[in-house]
Protein backbone atom coordinates (compact mmCIF):
# COMPACT_ATOMS: atom_id res chain seq x y z
CA UNK A 1 -41.74 52.87 49.22
CA UNK A 2 -39.33 54.51 46.75
CA UNK A 3 -40.77 57.85 45.71
CA UNK A 4 -38.90 59.77 42.99
CA UNK A 5 -41.51 62.53 42.52
CA UNK A 6 -40.51 66.03 43.48
CA UNK A 7 -42.70 68.20 45.68
CA UNK A 8 -43.89 71.64 44.68
CA UNK A 9 -41.37 73.18 47.09
CA UNK A 10 -38.54 71.13 45.54
CA UNK A 11 -39.56 72.30 42.06
CA UNK A 12 -39.52 75.87 43.31
CA UNK A 13 -35.99 75.30 44.71
CA UNK A 14 -34.80 74.08 41.32
CA UNK A 15 -36.27 77.15 39.60
CA UNK A 16 -34.72 79.49 42.12
CA UNK A 17 -31.26 77.89 41.76
CA UNK A 18 -31.46 77.84 37.97
CA UNK A 19 -32.40 81.52 37.90
CA UNK A 20 -29.63 82.42 40.31
CA UNK A 21 -26.97 80.58 38.28
CA UNK A 22 -28.20 82.05 35.01
CA UNK A 23 -27.54 85.50 36.49
CA UNK A 24 -24.26 84.83 38.43
CA UNK A 25 -22.70 81.85 36.63
CA UNK A 26 -23.02 82.68 32.97
CA UNK A 27 -20.69 81.13 30.43
CA UNK A 28 -18.68 84.32 30.54
CA UNK A 29 -18.29 83.96 34.33
CA UNK A 30 -17.31 80.31 33.94
CA UNK A 31 -14.66 81.13 31.36
CA UNK A 32 -13.32 83.98 33.48
CA UNK A 33 -12.80 81.62 36.39
CA UNK A 34 -10.64 79.19 34.46
CA UNK A 35 -7.14 78.83 35.90
CA UNK A 36 -7.88 81.80 38.20
CA UNK A 37 -6.11 81.65 41.58
CA UNK A 38 -9.44 82.26 43.36
CA UNK A 39 -11.60 80.37 40.91
CA UNK A 40 -15.07 81.31 42.01
CA UNK A 41 -17.43 84.24 41.96
CA UNK A 42 -17.60 86.17 45.21
CA UNK A 43 -20.97 87.55 44.11
CA UNK A 44 -22.39 84.10 43.52
CA UNK A 45 -21.04 82.92 46.82
CA UNK A 46 -22.73 85.85 48.62
CA UNK A 47 -26.05 85.07 46.90
CA UNK A 48 -25.85 81.42 47.81
CA UNK A 49 -25.35 82.50 51.44
CA UNK A 50 -28.18 85.00 51.35
CA UNK A 51 -30.59 82.34 50.03
CA UNK A 52 -29.45 79.84 52.71
CA UNK A 53 -28.11 77.48 50.06
CA UNK A 54 -24.70 77.21 51.65
CA UNK A 55 -26.22 75.72 54.77
CA UNK A 56 -28.79 73.69 52.84
CA UNK A 57 -27.66 70.39 54.28
CA UNK A 58 -26.33 71.63 57.64
CA UNK A 59 -28.16 71.24 60.98
CA UNK A 60 -30.59 73.99 61.93
CA UNK A 61 -28.93 74.44 65.34
CA UNK A 62 -25.76 75.62 63.57
CA UNK A 63 -27.46 77.98 61.14
CA UNK A 64 -28.27 75.49 58.36
CA UNK A 65 -31.58 74.56 56.72
CA UNK A 66 -31.22 70.83 57.44
CA UNK A 67 -32.74 69.79 54.14
CA UNK A 68 -32.40 66.27 52.77
CA UNK A 69 -30.11 64.81 50.22
CA UNK A 70 -32.96 65.20 47.71
CA UNK A 71 -32.76 68.98 47.92
CA UNK A 72 -29.01 68.62 47.73
CA UNK A 73 -29.28 66.72 44.45
CA UNK A 74 -31.57 69.38 42.99
CA UNK A 75 -29.04 72.03 43.85
CA UNK A 76 -26.12 70.08 42.41
CA UNK A 77 -27.88 69.08 39.19
CA UNK A 78 -28.26 72.81 38.50
CA UNK A 79 -24.68 73.53 39.49
CA UNK A 80 -23.53 70.83 37.08
CA UNK A 81 -25.78 72.11 34.33
CA UNK A 82 -24.35 75.62 34.67
CA UNK A 83 -20.76 74.46 35.32
CA UNK A 84 -20.86 76.92 38.21
CA UNK A 85 -17.40 77.21 39.79
CA UNK A 86 -18.02 77.17 43.49
CA UNK A 87 -16.40 75.69 46.65
CA UNK A 88 -19.83 74.49 47.85
CA UNK A 89 -19.03 70.80 47.71
CA UNK A 90 -15.56 70.97 49.34
CA UNK A 91 -16.63 73.44 52.07
CA UNK A 92 -20.34 73.01 52.79
CA UNK A 93 -20.56 69.27 52.26
CA UNK A 94 -17.23 67.53 52.73
CA UNK A 95 -15.44 69.73 55.28
CA UNK A 96 -18.65 70.74 57.12
CA UNK A 97 -19.85 67.10 56.97
CA UNK A 98 -16.69 65.87 58.72
CA UNK A 99 -17.17 68.51 61.50
CA UNK A 100 -20.89 67.59 61.87
CA UNK A 101 -20.13 63.91 62.15
CA UNK A 102 -17.07 63.95 64.40
CA UNK A 103 -16.24 67.49 65.50
CA UNK A 104 -16.20 68.68 69.06
CA UNK A 105 -18.96 71.01 70.17
CA UNK A 106 -16.45 73.79 70.10
CA UNK A 107 -15.52 73.00 66.45
CA UNK A 108 -19.18 72.71 65.46
CA UNK A 109 -20.16 76.02 67.08
CA UNK A 110 -17.06 77.78 65.83
CA UNK A 111 -17.15 76.68 62.18
CA UNK A 112 -20.56 75.47 61.02
CA UNK A 113 -22.50 78.73 61.40
CA UNK A 114 -19.76 80.61 59.61
CA UNK A 115 -19.70 78.08 56.80
CA UNK A 116 -23.48 78.39 56.45
CA UNK A 117 -23.16 82.17 56.22
CA UNK A 118 -20.36 82.04 53.69
CA UNK A 119 -17.98 83.81 56.07
CA UNK A 120 -15.36 81.04 55.84
CA UNK A 121 -14.31 78.35 53.41
CA UNK A 122 -12.86 75.00 54.34
CA UNK A 123 -11.47 72.50 51.93
CA UNK A 124 -10.13 68.92 52.28
CA UNK A 125 -6.45 68.15 51.68
CA UNK A 126 -6.75 64.42 50.98
CA UNK A 127 -5.04 63.04 47.88
CA UNK A 128 -1.28 62.63 47.54
CA UNK A 129 1.12 62.30 44.61
CA UNK A 130 1.18 58.75 43.19
CA UNK A 131 -1.20 57.44 45.92
CA UNK A 132 -4.71 56.10 45.73
CA UNK A 133 -8.15 57.14 46.98
CA UNK A 134 -8.13 54.34 49.57
CA UNK A 135 -7.01 54.74 53.17
CA UNK A 136 -3.62 53.36 52.25
CA UNK A 137 -3.28 56.26 49.88
CA UNK A 138 -2.95 58.55 52.91
CA UNK A 139 0.79 58.38 53.73
CA UNK A 140 1.37 61.92 55.03
CA UNK A 141 2.39 61.68 58.68
CA UNK A 142 0.98 63.36 61.75
CA UNK A 143 3.44 62.70 64.64
CA UNK A 144 2.32 63.18 68.20
CA UNK A 145 4.89 65.43 69.87
CA UNK A 146 3.30 65.42 73.28
CA UNK A 147 1.63 68.79 73.01
CA UNK A 148 0.01 68.29 69.58
CA UNK A 149 0.99 66.99 66.22
CA UNK A 150 3.62 67.69 63.62
CA UNK A 151 2.50 67.28 59.98
CA UNK A 152 4.90 66.53 57.18
CA UNK A 153 4.02 65.54 53.63
CA UNK A 154 2.43 66.68 50.41
CA UNK A 155 -1.16 66.94 49.26
CA UNK A 156 -2.43 67.62 45.72
CA UNK A 157 -5.71 68.41 44.01
CA UNK A 158 -6.68 70.65 46.91
CA UNK A 159 -9.50 72.75 45.54
CA UNK A 160 -9.77 76.47 46.37
CA UNK A 161 -6.85 76.19 48.81
CA UNK A 162 -5.88 79.85 48.33
CA UNK A 163 -9.36 80.94 49.55
CA UNK A 164 -9.58 78.50 52.46
CA UNK A 165 -9.59 79.57 56.05
CA UNK A 166 -8.77 75.99 57.09
CA UNK A 167 -7.63 72.84 55.39
CA UNK A 168 -9.19 69.56 56.56
CA UNK A 169 -6.09 67.41 56.32
CA UNK A 170 -6.10 63.61 56.26
CA UNK A 171 -2.90 62.33 57.89
CA UNK A 172 -1.64 58.95 58.99
CA UNK A 173 -1.17 58.44 62.72
CA UNK A 174 -0.43 54.68 62.75
CA UNK A 175 0.45 51.69 60.63
CA UNK A 176 -3.02 50.12 60.40
CA UNK A 177 -4.89 50.53 57.07
CA UNK A 178 -7.33 53.02 58.55
CA UNK A 179 -5.11 54.72 61.15
CA UNK A 180 -5.93 58.10 59.70
CA UNK A 181 -7.01 61.30 61.51
CA UNK A 182 -8.50 64.58 60.37
CA UNK A 183 -6.91 67.93 61.29
CA UNK A 184 -7.88 71.49 60.90
CA UNK A 185 -4.85 73.34 59.58
CA UNK A 186 -4.44 77.05 58.81
CA UNK A 187 -3.08 77.31 55.28
CA UNK A 188 -1.07 80.41 56.31
CA UNK A 189 0.72 78.53 59.16
CA UNK A 190 4.51 78.23 59.18
CA UNK A 191 5.62 75.27 57.04
CA UNK A 192 2.59 75.34 54.69
CA UNK A 193 3.34 76.14 51.02
CA UNK A 194 0.65 76.41 48.34
CA UNK A 195 1.39 76.03 44.60
CA UNK A 196 -1.33 76.34 42.02
CA UNK A 197 -1.60 73.42 39.58
CA UNK A 198 -3.34 73.37 36.21
CA UNK A 199 -5.90 70.68 35.45
CA UNK A 200 -7.75 69.44 32.41
CA UNK A 201 -10.85 71.38 33.52
CA UNK A 202 -8.91 74.56 34.33
CA UNK A 203 -10.44 74.62 37.78
CA UNK A 204 -8.63 75.95 40.83
CA UNK A 205 -6.44 73.29 42.37
CA UNK A 206 -3.35 73.49 44.53
CA UNK A 207 -0.46 71.37 45.68
CA UNK A 208 0.04 71.87 49.39
CA UNK A 209 3.37 71.00 51.03
CA UNK A 210 3.59 70.56 54.83
CA UNK A 211 7.02 70.88 56.41
CA UNK A 212 6.91 70.27 60.10
CA UNK A 213 3.55 72.09 60.54
CA UNK A 214 2.43 72.27 64.18
CA UNK A 215 -1.25 71.72 65.10
CA UNK A 216 -2.76 71.36 68.57
CA UNK A 217 -4.66 68.35 69.84
CA UNK A 218 -7.79 70.54 69.73
CA UNK A 219 -7.41 70.82 65.99
CA UNK A 220 -8.05 67.10 65.49
CA UNK A 221 -11.57 66.29 64.28
CA UNK A 222 -12.90 63.34 66.25
CA UNK A 223 -11.23 60.74 68.40
CA UNK A 224 -7.87 59.22 67.60
CA UNK A 225 -7.96 56.73 64.70
CA UNK A 226 -11.52 57.56 63.63
CA UNK A 227 -10.68 59.95 60.77
CA UNK A 228 -11.02 57.56 57.92
CA UNK A 229 -14.35 56.15 59.21
CA UNK A 230 -15.67 59.73 59.29
CA UNK A 231 -14.25 60.57 55.93
CA UNK A 232 -15.71 57.49 54.31
CA UNK A 233 -19.25 58.43 55.44
CA UNK A 234 -18.75 62.00 54.35
CA UNK A 235 -17.58 60.86 50.89
CA UNK A 236 -20.75 58.83 50.42
CA UNK A 237 -22.70 62.06 50.45
CA UNK A 238 -20.09 63.76 48.30
CA UNK A 239 -20.27 61.00 45.70
CA UNK A 240 -24.05 61.36 45.40
CA UNK A 241 -23.78 65.11 44.92
CA UNK A 242 -20.87 64.72 42.44
CA UNK A 243 -23.08 62.28 40.53
CA UNK A 244 -25.88 64.86 40.55
CA UNK A 245 -23.42 67.38 39.07
CA UNK A 246 -22.51 64.88 36.36
CA UNK A 247 -26.19 64.34 35.55
CA UNK A 248 -26.90 68.03 35.21
CA UNK A 249 -23.83 68.59 33.03
CA UNK A 250 -24.56 65.55 30.81
CA UNK A 251 -28.17 66.67 30.28
CA UNK A 252 -27.12 70.12 29.13
CA UNK A 253 -24.35 68.74 26.96
CA UNK A 254 -26.78 66.45 25.23
CA UNK A 255 -29.36 69.26 24.80
CA UNK A 256 -26.92 71.56 23.02
CA UNK A 257 -25.68 68.67 20.92
CA UNK A 258 -29.17 67.73 19.79
CA UNK A 259 -29.87 71.38 18.97
CA UNK A 260 -26.62 71.60 16.98
CA UNK A 261 -27.57 68.44 15.09
CA UNK A 262 -30.85 70.09 14.08
CA UNK A 263 -29.24 73.33 13.01
CA UNK A 264 -26.13 72.05 11.20
CA UNK A 265 -26.72 70.64 7.77
CA UNK A 266 -24.57 68.27 5.74
CA UNK A 267 -25.45 66.89 2.30
CA UNK A 268 -28.56 69.12 2.32
CA UNK A 269 -30.06 67.68 5.50
CA UNK A 270 -29.54 68.15 9.29
CA UNK A 271 -26.92 66.07 11.03
CA UNK A 272 -29.63 64.61 13.27
CA UNK A 273 -31.29 63.08 10.23
CA UNK A 274 -28.36 60.65 9.86
CA UNK A 275 -29.43 57.46 11.61
CA UNK A 276 -26.03 56.62 13.09
CA UNK A 277 -25.77 60.05 14.76
CA UNK A 278 -29.32 59.92 16.04
CA UNK A 279 -28.59 56.54 17.59
CA UNK A 280 -25.55 57.86 19.39
CA UNK A 281 -27.63 60.57 20.94
CA UNK A 282 -30.43 58.11 21.83
CA UNK A 283 -27.87 55.94 23.54
CA UNK A 284 -26.66 58.94 25.56
CA UNK A 285 -30.18 59.87 26.52
CA UNK A 286 -30.81 56.36 27.80
CA UNK A 287 -27.62 56.32 29.89
CA UNK A 288 -28.23 59.80 31.29
CA UNK A 289 -31.81 58.97 32.37
CA UNK A 290 -30.76 55.70 33.88
CA UNK A 291 -28.03 57.41 35.90
CA UNK A 292 -30.42 60.09 37.03
CA UNK A 293 -32.79 57.44 38.50
CA UNK A 294 -29.80 55.95 40.30
CA UNK A 295 -28.80 59.36 41.74
CA UNK A 296 -32.35 60.08 42.85
CA UNK A 297 -32.66 56.65 44.40
CA UNK A 298 -29.48 57.21 46.39
CA UNK A 299 -30.72 60.61 47.55
CA UNK A 300 -34.08 59.12 48.59
CA UNK A 301 -32.45 56.27 50.44
CA UNK A 302 -30.24 58.74 52.34
CA UNK A 303 -33.24 60.91 53.20
CA UNK A 304 -35.06 58.05 54.88
CA UNK A 305 -32.03 56.79 56.72
CA UNK A 306 -31.12 53.84 54.54
CA UNK A 307 -27.49 52.92 53.84
CA UNK A 308 -25.98 54.18 50.58
CA UNK A 309 -22.65 52.37 50.79
CA UNK A 310 -23.27 50.78 47.40
CA UNK A 311 -25.74 53.24 45.84
CA UNK A 312 -23.37 56.25 46.25
CA UNK A 313 -20.36 54.71 44.37
CA UNK A 314 -22.69 53.18 41.81
CA UNK A 315 -24.24 56.55 41.10
CA UNK A 316 -20.85 58.24 40.95
CA UNK A 317 -19.26 55.67 38.63
CA UNK A 318 -22.23 55.37 36.33
CA UNK A 319 -23.12 59.00 35.87
CA UNK A 320 -19.57 60.19 35.50
CA UNK A 321 -18.93 57.60 32.81
CA UNK A 322 -22.18 58.64 31.06
CA UNK A 323 -21.10 62.33 31.35
CA UNK A 324 -17.69 61.64 29.87
CA UNK A 325 -19.10 59.43 27.08
CA UNK A 326 -21.85 61.86 26.22
CA UNK A 327 -19.46 64.78 25.89
CA UNK A 328 -17.00 62.68 23.82
CA UNK A 329 -19.85 61.73 21.49
CA UNK A 330 -20.90 65.35 21.36
CA UNK A 331 -17.39 66.43 20.31
CA UNK A 332 -17.64 64.00 17.38
CA UNK A 333 -20.96 65.52 16.24
CA UNK A 334 -19.69 69.11 16.64
CA UNK A 335 -16.53 68.13 14.77
CA UNK A 336 -13.39 70.32 14.93
CA UNK A 337 -15.24 73.43 16.01
CA UNK A 338 -16.33 71.66 19.18
CA UNK A 339 -12.78 71.93 20.50
CA UNK A 340 -12.55 75.70 19.97
CA UNK A 341 -13.00 77.99 22.97
CA UNK A 342 -15.96 79.76 21.27
CA UNK A 343 -18.07 76.65 21.65
CA UNK A 344 -19.30 75.60 25.08
CA UNK A 345 -19.21 71.86 24.52
CA UNK A 346 -15.46 71.77 25.18
CA UNK A 347 -16.12 73.17 28.62
CA UNK A 348 -18.38 70.22 29.43
CA UNK A 349 -16.00 67.73 27.82
CA UNK A 350 -13.09 68.82 29.98
CA UNK A 351 -15.06 69.05 33.22
CA UNK A 352 -16.66 65.66 32.62
CA UNK A 353 -13.26 63.97 32.64
CA UNK A 354 -12.08 65.89 35.71
CA UNK A 355 -15.18 65.03 37.63
CA UNK A 356 -14.80 61.37 36.69
CA UNK A 357 -11.35 61.28 38.36
CA UNK A 358 -12.30 63.40 41.37
CA UNK A 359 -14.08 62.58 44.62
CA UNK A 360 -13.32 58.84 44.20
CA UNK A 361 -12.39 57.76 40.68
CA UNK A 362 -13.93 54.81 38.82
CA UNK A 363 -11.56 52.24 40.25
CA UNK A 364 -12.18 53.37 43.80
CA UNK A 365 -15.98 53.33 43.20
CA UNK A 366 -15.77 49.80 41.92
CA UNK A 367 -13.81 48.80 45.02
CA UNK A 368 -16.54 50.28 47.22
CA UNK A 369 -19.30 48.60 45.28
CA UNK A 370 -17.50 45.21 45.52
CA UNK A 371 -16.98 45.72 49.24
CA UNK A 372 -20.64 46.43 49.77
CA UNK A 373 -21.58 43.51 47.52
CA UNK A 374 -19.42 41.02 49.44
CA UNK A 375 -20.14 42.64 52.81
CA UNK A 376 -16.45 43.36 53.42
CA UNK A 377 -14.29 46.36 53.99
CA UNK A 378 -12.86 48.23 51.06
CA UNK A 379 -9.08 47.99 50.98
């Protein structure tokens, strides 16, 4: 039976995370990390490691806490609420998740405990210029040269690449739609070039060019041709947590907008007293709460071993749209001052749009929902 109530321990987890982020991810810290080549707080990262939050979802045998997706959602709602810049999702969920699912015992033992302790950071190199989120969007080539593989191509939107100890690179090894493999690549290897790129959210993203980069057969994650199947399952978990981030961010954005509408007066009465504006905020509250239930249902389903092939993209698409729409509405209520750097609403507005087009955009989410609906394979 679906149970969306949190336990006392889960409530304590939320309080602990909220307190930690209030101390180490203040708005001043968030602003300082914008367009920074590193892009995250080393102090916050160390605290997350000390409190076993980096390994929250990783297996106990590799130094993790092996908590469920429900605890993961609690963590990510608070990360989204605080806008905390951290490589947790790319390293501790996506990259680590690929190794957990398909990595060799050597890869698991060598990387997972260090990820859980915060000693290393891994990040996916997935998306390519002018290509999609689907498997066909992976056109970068990995050519078998007999001793290993030679990688040539370009990746973009690689988060925290300058801090990464390894890139988890998706590369095409055949002509079939899903003939994609995953490779662990040292970002300092010969032929790898990193170039920072600016984004709407001012987060830390890089373009990474690969020019004849050599990797060994032992650097491949999983068996030949299984990379996309692994990545697709990892991304289901990533979408749920991205949706949780959107929920936390949208909730806070609405809270500060409601407060502003109470404090700001026009024509001798608060903005919130105007029915049209109050209805806009009521609509946002309805959408945010509906999305939150969807996220929690996806997390619950995952925690009891049920498939989330439709729930994950539904949650991602719905919550990110609600987040973007809520912050756009908030900008209208704040007026011109909302776009100035002194006001925090612009931070949420910009990050809402970036999150919407990251970790599977709306179009890709809709493809995945349709594929699950018609019991087919997403193209």
